[in-house]
Amino acid sequence: MVKHIVLWKLKDTAEGRSAQENALILKRDLESLQKKIKEIVFLEVGLNFNSSEAAYDVALYSEFKSKQDLQAYQKHPEHVKVAELVNKVREKRVVVDYENECD
């Protein structure tokens, strides 16, 4: 099983909205991908409540059966559409992808 984790720190304002408004939109749009992209085994989006300066605003945790499925997800037109919005509203992004052989 392949795990894909992404964290975003959002701009205070972007696209005429606050970071909190954009976080809610990203959560909705990212969660909608599970019904649109068959390669997604599991997808969860969390919104941060930690006030630390080190904290990021939005977390994505997703699972795929293979690296090829992760690549298909990343190239899927629906994912690309959401990624375009993410790139407009994010300040920073960190990502980790790994395989868990125990699954």
PDB file of N, CA and C in Angstrom:
ATOM      1  N   MET A   1       0.848  -1.172   0.000  1.00  0.00           N
ATOM      2  CA  MET A   1       0.000   0.000   0.000  1.00  0.00           C
ATOM      3  C   MET A   1       0.897   1.240   0.000  1.00  0.00           C
ATOM      4  N   VAL A   2       0.540   2.224  -0.807  1.00  0.00           N
ATOM      5  CA  VAL A   2       1.273   3.483  -0.893  1.00  0.00           C
ATOM      6  C   VAL A   2       0.504   4.546  -0.118  1.00  0.00           C
ATOM      7  N   LYS A   3       1.222   5.244   0.748  1.00  0.00           N
ATOM      8  CA  LYS A   3       0.638   6.333   1.540  1.00  0.00           C
ATOM      9  C   LYS A   3       1.146   7.652   0.960  1.00  0.00           C
ATOM     10  N   HIS A   4       0.229   8.614   0.844  1.00  0.00           N
ATOM     11  CA  HIS A   4       0.539   9.931   0.275  1.00  0.00           C
ATOM     12  C   HIS A   4       0.033  10.972   1.271  1.00  0.00           C
ATOM     13  N   ILE A   5       0.960  11.729   1.853  1.00  0.00           N
ATOM     14  CA  ILE A   5       0.613  12.727   2.860  1.00  0.00           C
ATOM     15  C   ILE A   5       1.105  14.092   2.394  1.00  0.00           C
ATOM     16  N   VAL A   6       0.214  15.073   2.420  1.00  0.00           N
ATOM     17  CA  VAL A   6       0.559  16.432   2.007  1.00  0.00           C
ATOM     18  C   VAL A   6       0.054  17.394   3.077  1.00  0.00           C
ATOM     19  N   LEU A   7       0.877  18.390   3.397  1.00  0.00           N
ATOM     20  CA  LEU A   7       0.489  19.460   4.313  1.00  0.00           C
ATOM     21  C   LEU A   7       0.639  20.791   3.591  1.00  0.00           C
ATOM     22  N   TRP A   8      -0.344  21.673   3.795  1.00  0.00           N
ATOM     23  CA  TRP A   8      -0.281  23.006   3.193  1.00  0.00           C
ATOM     24  C   TRP A   8      -0.427  24.074   4.260  1.00  0.00           C
ATOM     25  N   LYS A   9       0.404  25.099   4.139  1.00  0.00           N
ATOM     26  CA  LYS A   9       0.242  26.325   4.916  1.00  0.00           C
ATOM     27  C   LYS A   9      -0.353  27.317   3.922  1.00  0.00           C
ATOM     28  N   LEU A  10      -1.488  27.885   4.267  1.00  0.00           N
ATOM     29  CA  LEU A  10      -2.194  28.758   3.333  1.00  0.00           C
ATOM     30  C   LEU A  10      -1.817  30.225   3.522  1.00  0.00           C
ATOM     31  N   LYS A  11      -1.957  30.974   2.440  1.00  0.00           N
ATOM     32  CA  LYS A  11      -1.778  32.426   2.505  1.00  0.00           C
ATOM     33  C   LYS A  11      -2.899  33.001   3.370  1.00  0.00           C
ATOM     34  N   ASP A  12      -2.617  34.101   4.065  1.00  0.00           N
ATOM     35  CA  ASP A  12      -3.639  34.723   4.912  1.00  0.00           C
ATOM     36  C   ASP A  12      -4.883  35.083   4.108  1.00  0.00           C
ATOM     37  N   THR A  13      -4.660  35.583   2.905  1.00  0.00           N
ATOM     38  CA  THR A  13      -5.772  35.852   1.984  1.00  0.00           C
ATOM     39  C   THR A  13      -5.317  35.481   0.575  1.00  0.00           C
ATOM     40  N   ALA A  14      -6.249  34.924  -0.180  1.00  0.00           N
ATOM     41  CA  ALA A  14      -5.965  34.556  -1.575  1.00  0.00           C
ATOM     42  C   ALA A  14      -7.292  34.346  -2.287  1.00  0.00           C
ATOM     43  N   GLU A  15      -7.328  34.727  -3.544  1.00  0.00           N
ATOM     44  CA  GLU A  15      -8.545  34.559  -4.349  1.00  0.00           C
ATOM     45  C   GLU A  15      -9.744  35.269  -3.699  1.00  0.00           C
ATOM     46  N   GLY A  16      -9.464  36.353  -2.958  1.00  0.00           N
ATOM     47  CA  GLY A  16     -10.532  37.132  -2.328  1.00  0.00           C
ATOM     48  C   GLY A  16     -11.136  36.496  -1.087  1.00  0.00           C
ATOM     49  N   ARG A  17     -10.464  35.473  -0.547  1.00  0.00           N
ATOM     50  CA  ARG A  17     -10.990  34.763   0.621  1.00  0.00           C
ATOM     51  C   ARG A  17      -9.921  34.656   1.702  1.00  0.00           C
ATOM     52  N   SER A  18     -10.363  34.434   2.935  1.00  0.00           N
ATOM     53  CA  SER A  18      -9.447  34.209   4.049  1.00  0.00           C
ATOM     54  C   SER A  18      -8.867  32.801   3.973  1.00  0.00           C
ATOM     55  N   ALA A  19      -7.816  32.572   4.743  1.00  0.00           N
ATOM     56  CA  ALA A  19      -7.217  31.234   4.801  1.00  0.00           C
ATOM     57  C   ALA A  19      -8.237  30.212   5.288  1.00  0.00           C
ATOM     58  N   GLN A  20      -9.047  30.594   6.260  1.00  0.00           N
ATOM     59  CA  GLN A  20     -10.052  29.662   6.788  1.00  0.00           C
ATOM     60  C   GLN A  20     -11.091  29.304   5.717  1.00  0.00           C
ATOM     61  N   GLU A  21     -11.529  30.292   4.959  1.00  0.00           N
ATOM     62  CA  GLU A  21     -12.493  30.021   3.877  1.00  0.00           C
ATOM     63  C   GLU A  21     -11.868  29.106   2.823  1.00  0.00           C
ATOM     64  N   ASN A  22     -10.615  29.388   2.460  1.00  0.00           N
ATOM     65  CA  ASN A  22      -9.933  28.554   1.464  1.00  0.00           C
ATOM     66  C   ASN A  22      -9.698  27.145   1.988  1.00  0.00           C
ATOM     67  N   ALA A  23      -9.407  26.997   3.273  1.00  0.00           N
ATOM     68  CA  ALA A  23      -9.217  25.670   3.853  1.00  0.00           C
ATOM     69  C   ALA A  23     -10.493  24.840   3.717  1.00  0.00           C
ATOM     70  N   LEU A  24     -11.637  25.448   3.979  1.00  0.00           N
ATOM     71  CA  LEU A  24     -12.910  24.728   3.860  1.00  0.00           C
ATOM     72  C   LEU A  24     -13.193  24.318   2.421  1.00  0.00           C
ATOM     73  N   ILE A  25     -12.868  25.198   1.477  1.00  0.00           N
ATOM     74  CA  ILE A  25     -13.058  24.885   0.056  1.00  0.00           C
ATOM     75  C   ILE A  25     -12.126  23.750  -0.367  1.00  0.00           C
ATOM     76  N   LEU A  26     -10.870  23.807   0.072  1.00  0.00           N
ATOM     77  CA  LEU A  26      -9.927  22.741  -0.265  1.00  0.00           C
ATOM     78  C   LEU A  26     -10.381  21.407   0.313  1.00  0.00           C
ATOM     79  N   LYS A  27     -10.856  21.416   1.542  1.00  0.00           N
ATOM     80  CA  LYS A  27     -11.348  20.187   2.165  1.00  0.00           C
ATOM     81  C   LYS A  27     -12.478  19.593   1.335  1.00  0.00           C
ATOM     82  N   ARG A  28     -13.436  20.407   0.967  1.00  0.00           N
ATOM     83  CA  ARG A  28     -14.574  19.941   0.163  1.00  0.00           C
ATOM     84  C   ARG A  28     -14.099  19.390  -1.182  1.00  0.00           C
ATOM     85  N   ASP A  29     -13.245  20.152  -1.856  1.00  0.00           N
ATOM     86  CA  ASP A  29     -12.804  19.754  -3.198  1.00  0.00           C
ATOM     87  C   ASP A  29     -11.924  18.502  -3.168  1.00  0.00           C
ATOM     88  N   LEU A  30     -11.028  18.421  -2.195  1.00  0.00           N
ATOM     89  CA  LEU A  30     -10.176  17.244  -2.088  1.00  0.00           C
ATOM     90  C   LEU A  30     -10.990  16.004  -1.745  1.00  0.00           C
ATOM     91  N   GLU A  31     -11.918  16.132  -0.805  1.00  0.00           N
ATOM     92  CA  GLU A  31     -12.743  14.984  -0.430  1.00  0.00           C
ATOM     93  C   GLU A  31     -13.611  14.499  -1.589  1.00  0.00           C
ATOM     94  N   SER A  32     -13.996  15.406  -2.465  1.00  0.00           N
ATOM     95  CA  SER A  32     -14.824  15.014  -3.615  1.00  0.00           C
ATOM     96  C   SER A  32     -14.063  14.129  -4.599  1.00  0.00           C
ATOM     97  N   LEU A  33     -12.732  14.150  -4.542  1.00  0.00           N
ATOM     98  CA  LEU A  33     -11.932  13.360  -5.478  1.00  0.00           C
ATOM     99  C   LEU A  33     -12.111  11.858  -5.275  1.00  0.00           C
ATOM    100  N   GLN A  34     -12.438  11.439  -4.061  1.00  0.00           N
ATOM    101  CA  GLN A  34     -12.566  10.007  -3.801  1.00  0.00           C
ATOM    102  C   GLN A  34     -13.659   9.366  -4.658  1.00  0.00           C
ATOM    103  N   LYS A  35     -14.705  10.116  -4.974  1.00  0.00           N
ATOM    104  CA  LYS A  35     -15.786   9.580  -5.806  1.00  0.00           C
ATOM    105  C   LYS A  35     -15.473   9.707  -7.301  1.00  0.00           C
ATOM    106  N   LYS A  36     -14.470  10.511  -7.639  1.00  0.00           N
ATOM    107  CA  LYS A  36     -14.171  10.786  -9.040  1.00  0.00           C
ATOM    108  C   LYS A  36     -12.958  10.030  -9.577  1.00  0.00           C
ATOM    109  N   ILE A  37     -12.066   9.592  -8.673  1.00  0.00           N
ATOM    110  CA  ILE A  37     -10.810   8.966  -9.103  1.00  0.00           C
ATOM    111  C   ILE A  37     -10.737   7.561  -8.511  1.00  0.00           C
ATOM    112  N   LYS A  38     -10.858   6.561  -9.369  1.00  0.00           N
ATOM    113  CA  LYS A  38     -10.981   5.172  -8.911  1.00  0.00           C
ATOM    114  C   LYS A  38      -9.732   4.643  -8.220  1.00  0.00           C
ATOM    115  N   GLU A  39      -8.577   5.241  -8.473  1.00  0.00           N
ATOM    116  CA  GLU A  39      -7.329   4.751  -7.880  1.00  0.00           C
ATOM    117  C   GLU A  39      -7.217   5.050  -6.380  1.00  0.00           C
ATOM    118  N   ILE A  40      -8.015   5.959  -5.880  1.00  0.00           N
ATOM    119  CA  ILE A  40      -7.950   6.310  -4.461  1.00  0.00           C
ATOM    120  C   ILE A  40      -8.593   5.196  -3.638  1.00  0.00           C
ATOM    121  N   VAL A  41      -7.818   4.603  -2.738  1.00  0.00           N
ATOM    122  CA  VAL A  41      -8.337   3.581  -1.829  1.00  0.00           C
ATOM    123  C   VAL A  41      -8.958   4.261  -0.612  1.00  0.00           C
ATOM    124  N   PHE A  42      -8.280   5.276  -0.088  1.00  0.00           N
ATOM    125  CA  PHE A  42      -8.743   6.004   1.094  1.00  0.00           C
ATOM    126  C   PHE A  42      -8.235   7.430   1.004  1.00  0.00           C
ATOM    127  N   LEU A  43      -9.056   8.367   1.453  1.00  0.00           N
ATOM    128  CA  LEU A  43      -8.660   9.776   1.443  1.00  0.00           C
ATOM    129  C   LEU A  43      -9.292  10.461   2.641  1.00  0.00           C
ATOM    130  N   GLU A  44      -8.480  11.253   3.340  1.00  0.00           N
ATOM    131  CA  GLU A  44      -8.954  12.008   4.499  1.00  0.00           C
ATOM    132  C   GLU A  44      -8.308  13.387   4.472  1.00  0.00           C
ATOM    133  N   VAL A  45      -9.088  14.417   4.778  1.00  0.00           N
ATOM    134  CA  VAL A  45      -8.574  15.783   4.830  1.00  0.00           C
ATOM    135  C   VAL A  45      -8.866  16.337   6.215  1.00  0.00           C
ATOM    136  N   GLY A  46      -7.840  16.902   6.838  1.00  0.00           N
ATOM    137  CA  GLY A  46      -8.006  17.488   8.162  1.00  0.00           C
ATOM    138  C   GLY A  46      -7.646  18.956   8.153  1.00  0.00           C
ATOM    139  N   LEU A  47      -8.389  19.731   8.953  1.00  0.00           N
ATOM    140  CA  LEU A  47      -8.110  21.153   9.110  1.00  0.00           C
ATOM    141  C   LEU A  47      -7.487  21.377  10.485  1.00  0.00           C
ATOM    142  N   ASN A  48      -6.383  22.070  10.522  1.00  0.00           N
ATOM    143  CA  ASN A  48      -5.609  22.282  11.729  1.00  0.00           C
ATOM    144  C   ASN A  48      -6.342  23.156  12.753  1.00  0.00           C
ATOM    145  N   PHE A  49      -6.179  22.811  14.037  1.00  0.00           N
ATOM    146  CA  PHE A  49      -6.664  23.677  15.107  1.00  0.00           C
ATOM    147  C   PHE A  49      -5.525  24.118  16.029  1.00  0.00           C
ATOM    148  N   ASN A  50      -4.301  23.683  15.743  1.00  0.00           N
ATOM    149  CA  ASN A  50      -3.128  24.020  16.543  1.00  0.00           C
ATOM    150  C   ASN A  50      -2.662  25.431  16.182  1.00  0.00           C
ATOM    151  N   SER A  51      -2.469  26.286  17.179  1.00  0.00           N
ATOM    152  CA  SER A  51      -2.109  27.685  16.925  1.00  0.00           C
ATOM    153  C   SER A  51      -0.604  27.922  16.812  1.00  0.00           C
ATOM    154  N   SER A  52       0.199  26.887  16.859  1.00  0.00           N
ATOM    155  CA  SER A  52       1.647  27.019  16.760  1.00  0.00           C
ATOM    156  C   SER A  52       2.056  27.601  15.409  1.00  0.00           C
ATOM    157  N   GLU A  53       3.111  28.405  15.417  1.00  0.00           N
ATOM    158  CA  GLU A  53       3.659  28.954  14.170  1.00  0.00           C
ATOM    159  C   GLU A  53       4.155  27.832  13.244  1.00  0.00           C
ATOM    160  N   ALA A  54       4.523  26.697  13.830  1.00  0.00           N
ATOM    161  CA  ALA A  54       5.039  25.571  13.047  1.00  0.00           C
ATOM    162  C   ALA A  54       3.929  24.770  12.384  1.00  0.00           C
ATOM    163  N   ALA A  55       2.687  25.014  12.771  1.00  0.00           N
ATOM    164  CA  ALA A  55       1.565  24.218  12.269  1.00  0.00           C
ATOM    165  C   ALA A  55       1.217  24.592  10.828  1.00  0.00           C
ATOM    166  N   TYR A  56       0.767  23.591  10.092  1.00  0.00           N
ATOM    167  CA  TYR A  56       0.227  23.799   8.743  1.00  0.00           C
ATOM    168  C   TYR A  56      -1.291  23.815   8.840  1.00  0.00           C
ATOM    169  N   ASP A  57      -1.955  24.334   7.808  1.00  0.00           N
ATOM    170  CA  ASP A  57      -3.397  24.567   7.870  1.00  0.00           C
ATOM    171  C   ASP A  57      -4.255  23.382   7.425  1.00  0.00           C
ATOM    172  N   VAL A  58      -3.804  22.670   6.402  1.00  0.00           N
ATOM    173  CA  VAL A  58      -4.599  21.585   5.823  1.00  0.00           C
ATOM    174  C   VAL A  58      -3.705  20.362   5.649  1.00  0.00           C
ATOM    175  N   ALA A  59      -4.247  19.196   6.008  1.00  0.00           N
ATOM    176  CA  ALA A  59      -3.520  17.940   5.843  1.00  0.00           C
ATOM    177  C   ALA A  59      -4.335  16.996   4.973  1.00  0.00           C
ATOM    178  N   LEU A  60      -3.656  16.350   4.038  1.00  0.00           N
ATOM    179  CA  LEU A  60      -4.261  15.322   3.195  1.00  0.00           C
ATOM    180  C   LEU A  60      -3.541  14.011   3.473  1.00  0.00           C
ATOM    181  N   TYR A  61      -4.309  12.981   3.789  1.00  0.00           N
ATOM    182  CA  TYR A  61      -3.775  11.630   3.949  1.00  0.00           C
ATOM    183  C   TYR A  61      -4.536  10.760   2.964  1.00  0.00           C
ATOM    184  N   SER A  62      -3.810  10.053   2.093  1.00  0.00           N
ATOM    185  CA  SER A  62      -4.486   9.188   1.132  1.00  0.00           C
ATOM    186  C   SER A  62      -3.682   7.910   0.921  1.00  0.00           C
ATOM    187  N   GLU A  63      -4.398   6.879   0.443  1.00  0.00           N
ATOM    188  CA  GLU A  63      -3.789   5.575   0.209  1.00  0.00           C
ATOM    189  C   GLU A  63      -4.101   5.090  -1.200  1.00  0.00           C
ATOM    190  N   PHE A  64      -3.118   4.387  -1.770  1.00  0.00           N
ATOM    191  CA  PHE A  64      -3.225   3.833  -3.119  1.00  0.00           C
ATOM    192  C   PHE A  64      -2.633   2.429  -3.112  1.00  0.00           C
ATOM    193  N   LYS A  65      -3.083   1.591  -4.004  1.00  0.00           N
ATOM    194  CA  LYS A  65      -2.588   0.209  -4.064  1.00  0.00           C
ATOM    195  C   LYS A  65      -1.162   0.128  -4.591  1.00  0.00           C
ATOM    196  N   SER A  66      -0.746   1.119  -5.408  1.00  0.00           N
ATOM    197  CA  SER A  66       0.579   1.054  -6.022  1.00  0.00           C
ATOM    198  C   SER A  66       1.084   2.455  -6.356  1.00  0.00           C
ATOM    199  N   LYS A  67       2.378   2.526  -6.667  1.00  0.00           N
ATOM    200  CA  LYS A  67       2.957   3.789  -7.120  1.00  0.00           C
ATOM    201  C   LYS A  67       2.296   4.233  -8.428  1.00  0.00           C
ATOM    202  N   GLN A  68       1.959   3.271  -9.266  1.00  0.00           N
ATOM    203  CA  GLN A  68       1.311   3.592 -10.543  1.00  0.00           C
ATOM    204  C   GLN A  68      -0.063   4.224 -10.304  1.00  0.00           C
ATOM    205  N   ASP A  69      -0.796   3.736  -9.314  1.00  0.00           N
ATOM    206  CA  ASP A  69      -2.100   4.325  -8.994  1.00  0.00           C
ATOM    207  C   ASP A  69      -1.934   5.746  -8.462  1.00  0.00           C
ATOM    208  N   LEU A  70      -0.891   5.970  -7.645  1.00  0.00           N
ATOM    209  CA  LEU A  70      -0.613   7.333  -7.157  1.00  0.00           C
ATOM    210  C   LEU A  70      -0.309   8.255  -8.333  1.00  0.00           C
ATOM    211  N   GLN A  71       0.479   7.788  -9.274  1.00  0.00           N
ATOM    212  CA  GLN A  71       0.814   8.600 -10.447  1.00  0.00           C
ATOM    213  C   GLN A  71      -0.424   8.888 -11.293  1.00  0.00           C
ATOM    214  N   ALA A  72      -1.294   7.906 -11.433  1.00  0.00           N
ATOM    215  CA  ALA A  72      -2.534   8.112 -12.196  1.00  0.00           C
ATOM    216  C   ALA A  72      -3.400   9.162 -11.512  1.00  0.00           C
ATOM    217  N   TYR A  73      -3.495   9.105 -10.196  1.00  0.00           N
ATOM    218  CA  TYR A  73      -4.240  10.095  -9.416  1.00  0.00           C
ATOM    219  C   TYR A  73      -3.677  11.492  -9.642  1.00  0.00           C
ATOM    220  N   GLN A  74      -2.358  11.608  -9.587  1.00  0.00           N
ATOM    221  CA  GLN A  74      -1.727  12.922  -9.717  1.00  0.00           C
ATOM    222  C   GLN A  74      -1.928  13.529 -11.104  1.00  0.00           C
ATOM    223  N   LYS A  75      -2.101  12.696 -12.129  1.00  0.00           N
ATOM    224  CA  LYS A  75      -2.300  13.182 -13.493  1.00  0.00           C
ATOM    225  C   LYS A  75      -3.775  13.312 -13.870  1.00  0.00           C
ATOM    226  N   HIS A  76      -4.660  12.796 -13.024  1.00  0.00           N
ATOM    227  CA  HIS A  76      -6.092  12.802 -13.328  1.00  0.00           C
ATOM    228  C   HIS A  76      -6.588  14.251 -13.451  1.00  0.00           C
ATOM    229  N   PRO A  77      -7.397  14.556 -14.473  1.00  0.00           N
ATOM    230  CA  PRO A  77      -7.880  15.934 -14.689  1.00  0.00           C
ATOM    231  C   PRO A  77      -8.593  16.541 -13.473  1.00  0.00           C
ATOM    232  N   GLU A  78      -9.315  15.736 -12.719  1.00  0.00           N
ATOM    233  CA  GLU A  78     -10.004  16.272 -11.532  1.00  0.00           C
ATOM    234  C   GLU A  78      -9.002  16.669 -10.442  1.00  0.00           C
ATOM    235  N   HIS A  79      -7.934  15.891 -10.292  1.00  0.00           N
ATOM    236  CA  HIS A  79      -6.883  16.246  -9.331  1.00  0.00           C
ATOM    237  C   HIS A  79      -6.151  17.498  -9.797  1.00  0.00           C
ATOM    238  N   VAL A  80      -5.841  17.562 -11.073  1.00  0.00           N
ATOM    239  CA  VAL A  80      -5.142  18.723 -11.627  1.00  0.00           C
ATOM    240  C   VAL A  80      -5.942  19.997 -11.367  1.00  0.00           C
ATOM    241  N   LYS A  81      -7.265  19.918 -11.518  1.00  0.00           N
ATOM    242  CA  LYS A  81      -8.131  21.066 -11.284  1.00  0.00           C
ATOM    243  C   LYS A  81      -8.031  21.545  -9.823  1.00  0.00           C
ATOM    244  N   VAL A  82      -8.071  20.617  -8.883  1.00  0.00           N
ATOM    245  CA  VAL A  82      -7.959  20.978  -7.470  1.00  0.00           C
ATOM    246  C   VAL A  82      -6.551  21.514  -7.178  1.00  0.00           C
ATOM    247  N   ALA A  83      -5.543  20.896  -7.765  1.00  0.00           N
ATOM    248  CA  ALA A  83      -4.160  21.340  -7.556  1.00  0.00           C
ATOM    249  C   ALA A  83      -3.956  22.777  -8.026  1.00  0.00           C
ATOM    250  N   GLU A  84      -4.634  23.175  -9.080  1.00  0.00           N
ATOM    251  CA  GLU A  84      -4.530  24.557  -9.556  1.00  0.00           C
ATOM    252  C   GLU A  84      -5.017  25.531  -8.495  1.00  0.00           C
ATOM    253  N   LEU A  85      -6.127  25.212  -7.837  1.00  0.00           N
ATOM    254  CA  LEU A  85      -6.624  26.061  -6.754  1.00  0.00           C
ATOM    255  C   LEU A  85      -5.651  26.043  -5.577  1.00  0.00           C
ATOM    256  N   VAL A  86      -5.181  24.866  -5.202  1.00  0.00           N
ATOM    257  CA  VAL A  86      -4.228  24.754  -4.097  1.00  0.00           C
ATOM    258  C   VAL A  86      -3.024  25.665  -4.345  1.00  0.00           C
ATOM    259  N   ASN A  87      -2.490  25.636  -5.552  1.00  0.00           N
ATOM    260  CA  ASN A  87      -1.309  26.436  -5.867  1.00  0.00           C
ATOM    261  C   ASN A  87      -1.565  27.936  -5.784  1.00  0.00           C
ATOM    262  N   LYS A  88      -2.799  28.346  -5.949  1.00  0.00           N
ATOM    263  CA  LYS A  88      -3.141  29.767  -5.839  1.00  0.00           C
ATOM    264  C   LYS A  88      -3.261  30.223  -4.385  1.00  0.00           C
ATOM    265  N   VAL A  89      -3.633  29.319  -3.492  1.00  0.00           N
ATOM    266  CA  VAL A  89      -3.929  29.723  -2.113  1.00  0.00           C
ATOM    267  C   VAL A  89      -2.869  29.274  -1.101  1.00  0.00           C
ATOM    268  N   ARG A  90      -1.917  28.455  -1.502  1.00  0.00           N
ATOM    269  CA  ARG A  90      -0.921  27.954  -0.548  1.00  0.00           C
ATOM    270  C   ARG A  90       0.302  28.854  -0.485  1.00  0.00           C
ATOM    271  N   GLU A  91       0.864  28.874   0.707  1.00  0.00           N
ATOM    272  CA  GLU A  91       2.135  29.560   0.922  1.00  0.00           C
ATOM    273  C   GLU A  91       3.278  28.544   0.875  1.00  0.00           C
ATOM    274  N   LYS A  92       3.065  27.393   1.547  1.00  0.00           N
ATOM    275  CA  LYS A  92       4.069  26.334   1.604  1.00  0.00           C
ATOM    276  C   LYS A  92       3.390  24.979   1.455  1.00  0.00           C
ATOM    277  N   ARG A  93       4.195  23.999   1.013  1.00  0.00           N
ATOM    278  CA  ARG A  93       3.695  22.633   0.850  1.00  0.00           C
ATOM    279  C   ARG A  93       4.806  21.674   1.235  1.00  0.00           C
ATOM    280  N   VAL A  94       4.441  20.627   1.967  1.00  0.00           N
ATOM    281  CA  VAL A  94       5.369  19.522   2.222  1.00  0.00           C
ATOM    282  C   VAL A  94       4.638  18.235   1.892  1.00  0.00           C
ATOM    283  N   VAL A  95       5.395  17.242   1.448  1.00  0.00           N
ATOM    284  CA  VAL A  95       4.788  15.989   1.017  1.00  0.00           C
ATOM    285  C   VAL A  95       5.700  14.826   1.379  1.00  0.00           C
ATOM    286  N   VAL A  96       5.087  13.681   1.659  1.00  0.00           N
ATOM    287  CA  VAL A  96       5.843  12.445   1.802  1.00  0.00           C
ATOM    288  C   VAL A  96       5.001  11.323   1.180  1.00  0.00           C
ATOM    289  N   ASP A  97       5.660  10.464   0.424  1.00  0.00           N
ATOM    290  CA  ASP A  97       5.051   9.273  -0.157  1.00  0.00           C
ATOM    291  C   ASP A  97       5.897   8.088   0.294  1.00  0.00           C
ATOM    292  N   TYR A  98       5.235   7.041   0.767  1.00  0.00           N
ATOM    293  CA  TYR A  98       5.982   5.855   1.185  1.00  0.00           C
ATOM    294  C   TYR A  98       5.135   4.616   1.013  1.00  0.00           C
ATOM    295  N   GLU A  99       5.835   3.492   0.937  1.00  0.00           N
ATOM    296  CA  GLU A  99       5.159   2.206   0.839  1.00  0.00           C
ATOM    297  C   GLU A  99       5.165   1.533   2.197  1.00  0.00           C
ATOM    298  N   ASN A 100       4.050   0.943   2.553  1.00  0.00           N
ATOM    299  CA  ASN A 100       3.938   0.188   3.784  1.00  0.00           C
ATOM    300  C   ASN A 100       3.708  -1.263   3.397  1.00  0.00           C
ATOM    301  N   GLU A 101       4.721  -2.072   3.551  1.00  0.00           N
ATOM    302  CA  GLU A 101       4.676  -3.474   3.141  1.00  0.00           C
ATOM    303  C   GLU A 101       3.784  -4.321   4.039  1.00  0.00           C
ATOM    304  N   CYS A 102       3.410  -3.809   5.202  1.00  0.00           N
ATOM    305  CA  CYS A 102       2.601  -4.582   6.149  1.00  0.00           C
ATOM    306  C   CYS A 102       1.120  -4.603   5.762  1.00  0.00           C
ATOM    307  N   ASP A 103       0.689  -3.707   4.906  1.00  0.00           N
ATOM    308  CA  ASP A 103      -0.732  -3.618   4.523  1.00  0.00           C
ATOM    309  C   ASP A 103      -1.120  -4.731   3.588  1.00  0.00           C
TER     310      ASP A 103
END
